[in-house]
Amino acid sequence: MAKKKVNKKENSEDDSKLYAFLAVLLLIIGFIVAMVLWKKDKYVMFYAKQSLVLFIGFVIAIVLKVVPVVGEVLYTICAIGLTVLWIITWVYALMGKEKKTFLIGDLAEKFDF
């Protein structure tokens, strides 16, 4: 049986995609894990920063819920919008290209870790 050669660069890119996806999926926990384990991987950190912005957005949405009536409406709108952006960011992370997610990408670039 012939052995299949595995290109280290391909394997590394696949790992980066997986780690970036996990960083986004797990939000703040994923960000912290990325900071500790994959800080030198630019691709993972690109999406980890977006994960941090999403987490902050979800926290703000929850705080809005405290405001009577208007807060409930704002919370619902923000929660739906952030969930959509979160899913879009998952897809971008798995694509293998650094692509900014609408609204959160520019905010994430301002972080310098």
N, C-alpha and C. Protein backbone atom coordinates (compact mmCIF):
# COMPACT_ATOMS: atom_id res chain seq x y z
N MET A 1 0.82 -1.17 0.00
CA MET A 1 0.00 0.00 0.00
C MET A 1 0.87 1.25 0.00
N ALA A 2 0.55 2.18 -0.86
CA ALA A 2 1.32 3.41 -0.94
C ALA A 2 0.92 4.35 0.19
N LYS A 3 1.92 4.97 0.79
CA LYS A 3 1.64 5.92 1.85
C LYS A 3 1.28 7.26 1.25
N LYS A 4 0.31 7.88 1.83
CA LYS A 4 -0.15 9.18 1.37
C LYS A 4 0.71 10.26 2.01
N LYS A 5 1.28 11.13 1.17
CA LYS A 5 2.09 12.22 1.69
C LYS A 5 1.17 13.35 2.15
N VAL A 6 1.44 13.85 3.33
CA VAL A 6 0.65 14.94 3.86
C VAL A 6 1.53 16.18 3.87
N ASN A 7 1.05 17.20 3.21
CA ASN A 7 1.76 18.46 3.15
C ASN A 7 1.58 19.18 4.48
N LYS A 8 2.70 19.51 5.15
CA LYS A 8 2.63 20.15 6.46
C LYS A 8 1.92 21.51 6.38
N LYS A 9 2.13 22.23 5.29
CA LYS A 9 1.51 23.53 5.14
C LYS A 9 -0.01 23.39 5.07
N GLU A 10 -0.50 22.41 4.31
CA GLU A 10 -1.94 22.17 4.22
C GLU A 10 -2.51 21.80 5.57
N ASN A 11 -1.81 20.93 6.27
CA ASN A 11 -2.26 20.49 7.59
C ASN A 11 -2.30 21.67 8.55
N SER A 12 -1.31 22.54 8.49
CA SER A 12 -1.25 23.70 9.36
C SER A 12 -2.41 24.66 9.05
N GLU A 13 -2.73 24.85 7.77
CA GLU A 13 -3.84 25.72 7.39
C GLU A 13 -5.17 25.15 7.87
N ASP A 14 -5.32 23.84 7.75
CA ASP A 14 -6.54 23.21 8.23
C ASP A 14 -6.68 23.36 9.75
N ASP A 15 -5.56 23.21 10.45
CA ASP A 15 -5.58 23.40 11.90
C ASP A 15 -5.96 24.84 12.25
N SER A 16 -5.39 25.79 11.54
CA SER A 16 -5.70 27.21 11.80
C SER A 16 -7.18 27.49 11.57
N LYS A 17 -7.73 26.92 10.51
CA LYS A 17 -9.16 27.10 10.25
C LYS A 17 -10.00 26.54 11.39
N LEU A 18 -9.64 25.36 11.86
CA LEU A 18 -10.37 24.73 12.96
C LEU A 18 -10.25 25.57 14.23
N TYR A 19 -9.05 26.01 14.55
CA TYR A 19 -8.85 26.80 15.76
C TYR A 19 -9.57 28.15 15.68
N ALA A 20 -9.56 28.76 14.50
CA ALA A 20 -10.26 30.03 14.32
C ALA A 20 -11.77 29.82 14.50
N PHE A 21 -12.29 28.73 13.94
CA PHE A 21 -13.70 28.40 14.09
C PHE A 21 -14.05 28.20 15.56
N LEU A 22 -13.22 27.47 16.28
CA LEU A 22 -13.47 27.24 17.70
C LEU A 22 -13.40 28.53 18.50
N ALA A 23 -12.48 29.42 18.13
CA ALA A 23 -12.37 30.70 18.83
C ALA A 23 -13.66 31.51 18.66
N VAL A 24 -14.23 31.47 17.47
CA VAL A 24 -15.48 32.20 17.22
C VAL A 24 -16.66 31.49 17.87
N LEU A 25 -16.72 30.20 17.75
CA LEU A 25 -17.84 29.43 18.29
C LEU A 25 -17.98 29.59 19.79
N LEU A 26 -16.86 29.59 20.49
CA LEU A 26 -16.88 29.63 21.96
C LEU A 26 -16.84 31.04 22.54
N LEU A 27 -16.87 32.05 21.68
CA LEU A 27 -16.87 33.46 22.07
C LEU A 27 -15.75 33.79 23.06
N ILE A 28 -16.06 34.21 24.27
CA ILE A 28 -15.02 34.68 25.19
C ILE A 28 -14.07 33.56 25.61
N ILE A 29 -14.61 32.37 25.80
CA ILE A 29 -13.75 31.24 26.16
C ILE A 29 -12.81 30.93 24.99
N GLY A 30 -13.34 30.96 23.79
CA GLY A 30 -12.51 30.73 22.60
C GLY A 30 -11.45 31.80 22.44
N PHE A 31 -11.80 33.04 22.75
CA PHE A 31 -10.83 34.12 22.68
C PHE A 31 -9.69 33.90 23.66
N ILE A 32 -10.05 33.54 24.89
CA ILE A 32 -9.02 33.33 25.91
C ILE A 32 -8.12 32.16 25.54
N VAL A 33 -8.71 31.07 25.06
CA VAL A 33 -7.91 29.91 24.65
C VAL A 33 -7.00 30.29 23.48
N ALA A 34 -7.52 31.06 22.54
CA ALA A 34 -6.70 31.49 21.40
C ALA A 34 -5.54 32.37 21.86
N MET A 35 -5.81 33.25 22.82
CA MET A 35 -4.74 34.12 23.35
C MET A 35 -3.64 33.30 24.02
N VAL A 36 -4.03 32.24 24.68
CA VAL A 36 -3.05 31.43 25.41
C VAL A 36 -2.30 30.48 24.48
N LEU A 37 -3.04 29.79 23.61
CA LEU A 37 -2.43 28.73 22.82
C LEU A 37 -1.97 29.12 21.41
N TRP A 38 -2.69 30.04 20.77
CA TRP A 38 -2.40 30.32 19.36
C TRP A 38 -2.16 31.80 19.10
N LYS A 39 -1.57 32.49 20.05
CA LYS A 39 -1.35 33.93 19.92
C LYS A 39 -0.49 34.28 18.70
N LYS A 40 0.41 33.40 18.30
CA LYS A 40 1.30 33.70 17.17
C LYS A 40 0.66 33.40 15.81
N ASP A 41 -0.46 32.72 15.80
CA ASP A 41 -1.15 32.39 14.56
C ASP A 41 -2.05 33.57 14.18
N LYS A 42 -1.65 34.32 13.16
CA LYS A 42 -2.37 35.53 12.77
C LYS A 42 -3.81 35.23 12.37
N TYR A 43 -4.01 34.12 11.68
CA TYR A 43 -5.35 33.77 11.22
C TYR A 43 -6.29 33.51 12.40
N VAL A 44 -5.83 32.75 13.35
CA VAL A 44 -6.65 32.45 14.53
C VAL A 44 -6.95 33.73 15.31
N MET A 45 -5.95 34.57 15.48
CA MET A 45 -6.15 35.80 16.24
C MET A 45 -7.07 36.78 15.52
N PHE A 46 -7.04 36.77 14.18
CA PHE A 46 -7.95 37.62 13.41
C PHE A 46 -9.40 37.31 13.80
N TYR A 47 -9.73 36.03 13.86
CA TYR A 47 -11.09 35.64 14.20
C TYR A 47 -11.35 35.65 15.71
N ALA A 48 -10.33 35.47 16.50
CA ALA A 48 -10.49 35.54 17.96
C ALA A 48 -10.88 36.96 18.37
N LYS A 49 -10.30 37.95 17.72
CA LYS A 49 -10.66 39.34 18.01
C LYS A 49 -12.11 39.62 17.64
N GLN A 50 -12.57 39.07 16.53
CA GLN A 50 -13.97 39.23 16.15
C GLN A 50 -14.87 38.53 17.16
N SER A 51 -14.40 37.43 17.69
CA SER A 51 -15.14 36.71 18.72
C SER A 51 -15.31 37.58 19.97
N LEU A 52 -14.26 38.29 20.33
CA LEU A 52 -14.32 39.18 21.49
C LEU A 52 -15.35 40.29 21.26
N VAL A 53 -15.36 40.87 20.08
CA VAL A 53 -16.32 41.92 19.76
C VAL A 53 -17.75 41.38 19.82
N LEU A 54 -17.95 40.18 19.30
CA LEU A 54 -19.28 39.57 19.38
C LEU A 54 -19.71 39.36 20.83
N PHE A 55 -18.80 38.88 21.64
CA PHE A 55 -19.11 38.68 23.06
C PHE A 55 -19.51 39.99 23.73
N ILE A 56 -18.76 41.04 23.47
CA ILE A 56 -19.08 42.36 24.04
C ILE A 56 -20.46 42.81 23.56
N GLY A 57 -20.76 42.56 22.29
CA GLY A 57 -22.08 42.91 21.75
C GLY A 57 -23.19 42.15 22.45
N PHE A 58 -23.00 40.86 22.70
CA PHE A 58 -24.01 40.08 23.42
C PHE A 58 -24.20 40.59 24.85
N VAL A 59 -23.11 40.98 25.50
CA VAL A 59 -23.21 41.52 26.86
C VAL A 59 -24.00 42.82 26.85
N ILE A 60 -23.71 43.69 25.90
CA ILE A 60 -24.44 44.96 25.78
C ILE A 60 -25.93 44.69 25.53
N ALA A 61 -26.23 43.72 24.67
CA ALA A 61 -27.63 43.37 24.39
C ALA A 61 -28.34 42.92 25.66
N ILE A 62 -27.66 42.13 26.47
CA ILE A 62 -28.26 41.66 27.72
C ILE A 62 -28.50 42.82 28.68
N VAL A 63 -27.57 43.77 28.73
CA VAL A 63 -27.73 44.93 29.59
C VAL A 63 -28.91 45.78 29.11
N LEU A 64 -29.13 45.86 27.81
CA LEU A 64 -30.27 46.62 27.27
C LEU A 64 -31.60 46.05 27.73
N LYS A 65 -31.62 44.78 28.02
CA LYS A 65 -32.86 44.13 28.43
C LYS A 65 -33.41 44.69 29.74
N VAL A 66 -32.58 45.33 30.52
CA VAL A 66 -32.99 45.90 31.80
C VAL A 66 -33.96 47.07 31.60
N VAL A 67 -33.79 47.80 30.51
CA VAL A 67 -34.65 48.96 30.25
C VAL A 67 -36.07 48.46 29.94
N PRO A 68 -37.06 49.01 30.62
CA PRO A 68 -38.43 48.55 30.39
C PRO A 68 -38.92 48.83 28.95
N VAL A 69 -39.69 47.96 28.41
CA VAL A 69 -40.34 47.98 27.10
C VAL A 69 -39.35 48.18 25.96
N VAL A 70 -38.74 49.35 25.86
CA VAL A 70 -37.81 49.63 24.76
C VAL A 70 -36.62 48.68 24.81
N GLY A 71 -36.19 48.35 26.00
CA GLY A 71 -35.06 47.45 26.17
C GLY A 71 -35.33 46.07 25.61
N GLU A 72 -36.55 45.59 25.79
CA GLU A 72 -36.93 44.28 25.25
C GLU A 72 -36.85 44.27 23.74
N VAL A 73 -37.33 45.32 23.12
CA VAL A 73 -37.31 45.42 21.66
C VAL A 73 -35.87 45.52 21.17
N LEU A 74 -35.08 46.39 21.79
CA LEU A 74 -33.68 46.54 21.40
C LEU A 74 -32.90 45.26 21.62
N TYR A 75 -33.18 44.59 22.74
CA TYR A 75 -32.52 43.32 23.02
C TYR A 75 -32.81 42.30 21.92
N THR A 76 -34.07 42.19 21.54
CA THR A 76 -34.46 41.22 20.52
C THR A 76 -33.78 41.52 19.19
N ILE A 77 -33.77 42.77 18.79
CA ILE A 77 -33.13 43.16 17.53
C ILE A 77 -31.63 42.88 17.58
N CYS A 78 -30.99 43.28 18.67
CA CYS A 78 -29.54 43.06 18.81
C CYS A 78 -29.21 41.57 18.86
N ALA A 79 -29.99 40.81 19.60
CA ALA A 79 -29.72 39.37 19.73
C ALA A 79 -29.82 38.67 18.38
N ILE A 80 -30.84 39.00 17.61
CA ILE A 80 -30.99 38.39 16.29
C ILE A 80 -29.85 38.81 15.37
N GLY A 81 -29.55 40.10 15.36
CA GLY A 81 -28.46 40.61 14.51
C GLY A 81 -27.12 40.01 14.87
N LEU A 82 -26.83 39.94 16.15
CA LEU A 82 -25.55 39.38 16.59
C LEU A 82 -25.46 37.88 16.31
N THR A 83 -26.56 37.19 16.44
CA THR A 83 -26.56 35.76 16.13
C THR A 83 -26.27 35.52 14.65
N VAL A 84 -26.86 36.34 13.79
CA VAL A 84 -26.59 36.23 12.35
C VAL A 84 -25.12 36.52 12.06
N LEU A 85 -24.58 37.59 12.66
CA LEU A 85 -23.17 37.92 12.46
C LEU A 85 -22.26 36.81 13.00
N TRP A 86 -22.65 36.20 14.09
CA TRP A 86 -21.89 35.11 14.69
C TRP A 86 -21.80 33.93 13.72
N ILE A 87 -22.92 33.56 13.13
CA ILE A 87 -22.94 32.44 12.18
C ILE A 87 -22.14 32.78 10.93
N ILE A 88 -22.25 34.00 10.45
CA ILE A 88 -21.47 34.43 9.28
C ILE A 88 -19.98 34.33 9.59
N THR A 89 -19.60 34.72 10.79
CA THR A 89 -18.19 34.66 11.18
C THR A 89 -17.70 33.22 11.26
N TRP A 90 -18.55 32.28 11.66
CA TRP A 90 -18.18 30.85 11.64
C TRP A 90 -17.80 30.45 10.23
N VAL A 91 -18.66 30.83 9.28
CA VAL A 91 -18.44 30.45 7.88
C VAL A 91 -17.14 31.06 7.37
N TYR A 92 -16.93 32.33 7.64
CA TYR A 92 -15.70 32.99 7.20
C TYR A 92 -14.46 32.32 7.80
N ALA A 93 -14.53 31.93 9.06
CA ALA A 93 -13.39 31.30 9.72
C ALA A 93 -13.05 29.97 9.05
N LEU A 94 -14.05 29.24 8.62
CA LEU A 94 -13.82 27.95 7.98
C LEU A 94 -13.41 28.06 6.51
N MET A 95 -13.58 29.25 5.92
CA MET A 95 -13.23 29.46 4.51
C MET A 95 -11.73 29.48 4.28
N GLY A 96 -10.97 29.90 5.25
CA GLY A 96 -9.52 29.94 5.09
C GLY A 96 -8.97 31.28 4.66
N LYS A 97 -9.80 32.29 4.59
CA LYS A 97 -9.35 33.64 4.23
C LYS A 97 -9.76 34.61 5.32
N GLU A 98 -8.89 35.58 5.56
CA GLU A 98 -9.23 36.61 6.54
C GLU A 98 -10.23 37.56 5.91
N LYS A 99 -11.47 37.46 6.31
CA LYS A 99 -12.52 38.30 5.77
C LYS A 99 -13.26 38.94 6.93
N LYS A 100 -13.31 40.27 6.90
CA LYS A 100 -13.97 40.99 7.98
C LYS A 100 -15.48 40.77 7.92
N THR A 101 -16.06 40.50 9.07
CA THR A 101 -17.50 40.39 9.18
C THR A 101 -18.07 41.80 9.29
N PHE A 102 -19.19 42.03 8.64
CA PHE A 102 -19.85 43.32 8.65
C PHE A 102 -19.97 43.86 10.07
N LEU A 103 -19.65 45.10 10.27
CA LEU A 103 -19.69 45.83 11.54
C LEU A 103 -18.62 45.41 12.54
N ILE A 104 -18.48 44.15 12.82
CA ILE A 104 -17.56 43.74 13.89
C ILE A 104 -16.11 43.65 13.42
N GLY A 105 -15.88 43.47 12.14
CA GLY A 105 -14.52 43.33 11.62
C GLY A 105 -13.66 44.57 11.86
N ASP A 106 -14.25 45.75 11.60
CA ASP A 106 -13.51 46.99 11.80
C ASP A 106 -13.24 47.25 13.29
N LEU A 107 -14.21 46.93 14.12
CA LEU A 107 -13.99 47.09 15.57
C LEU A 107 -12.92 46.15 16.08
N ALA A 108 -12.90 44.93 15.56
CA ALA A 108 -11.92 43.94 16.01
C ALA A 108 -10.50 44.33 15.62
N GLU A 109 -10.35 45.01 14.50
CA GLU A 109 -9.00 45.44 14.06
C GLU A 109 -8.38 46.44 15.01
N LYS A 110 -9.18 47.14 15.76
CA LYS A 110 -8.67 48.16 16.68
C LYS A 110 -7.96 47.53 17.89
N PHE A 111 -8.26 46.27 18.18
CA PHE A 111 -7.57 45.58 19.27
C PHE A 111 -6.18 45.19 18.82
N ASP A 112 -5.21 45.45 19.68
CA ASP A 112 -3.82 45.11 19.34
C ASP A 112 -3.28 44.19 20.44
N PHE A 113 -3.36 42.91 20.18
CA PHE A 113 -2.88 41.91 21.16
C PHE A 113 -1.63 41.27 20.66
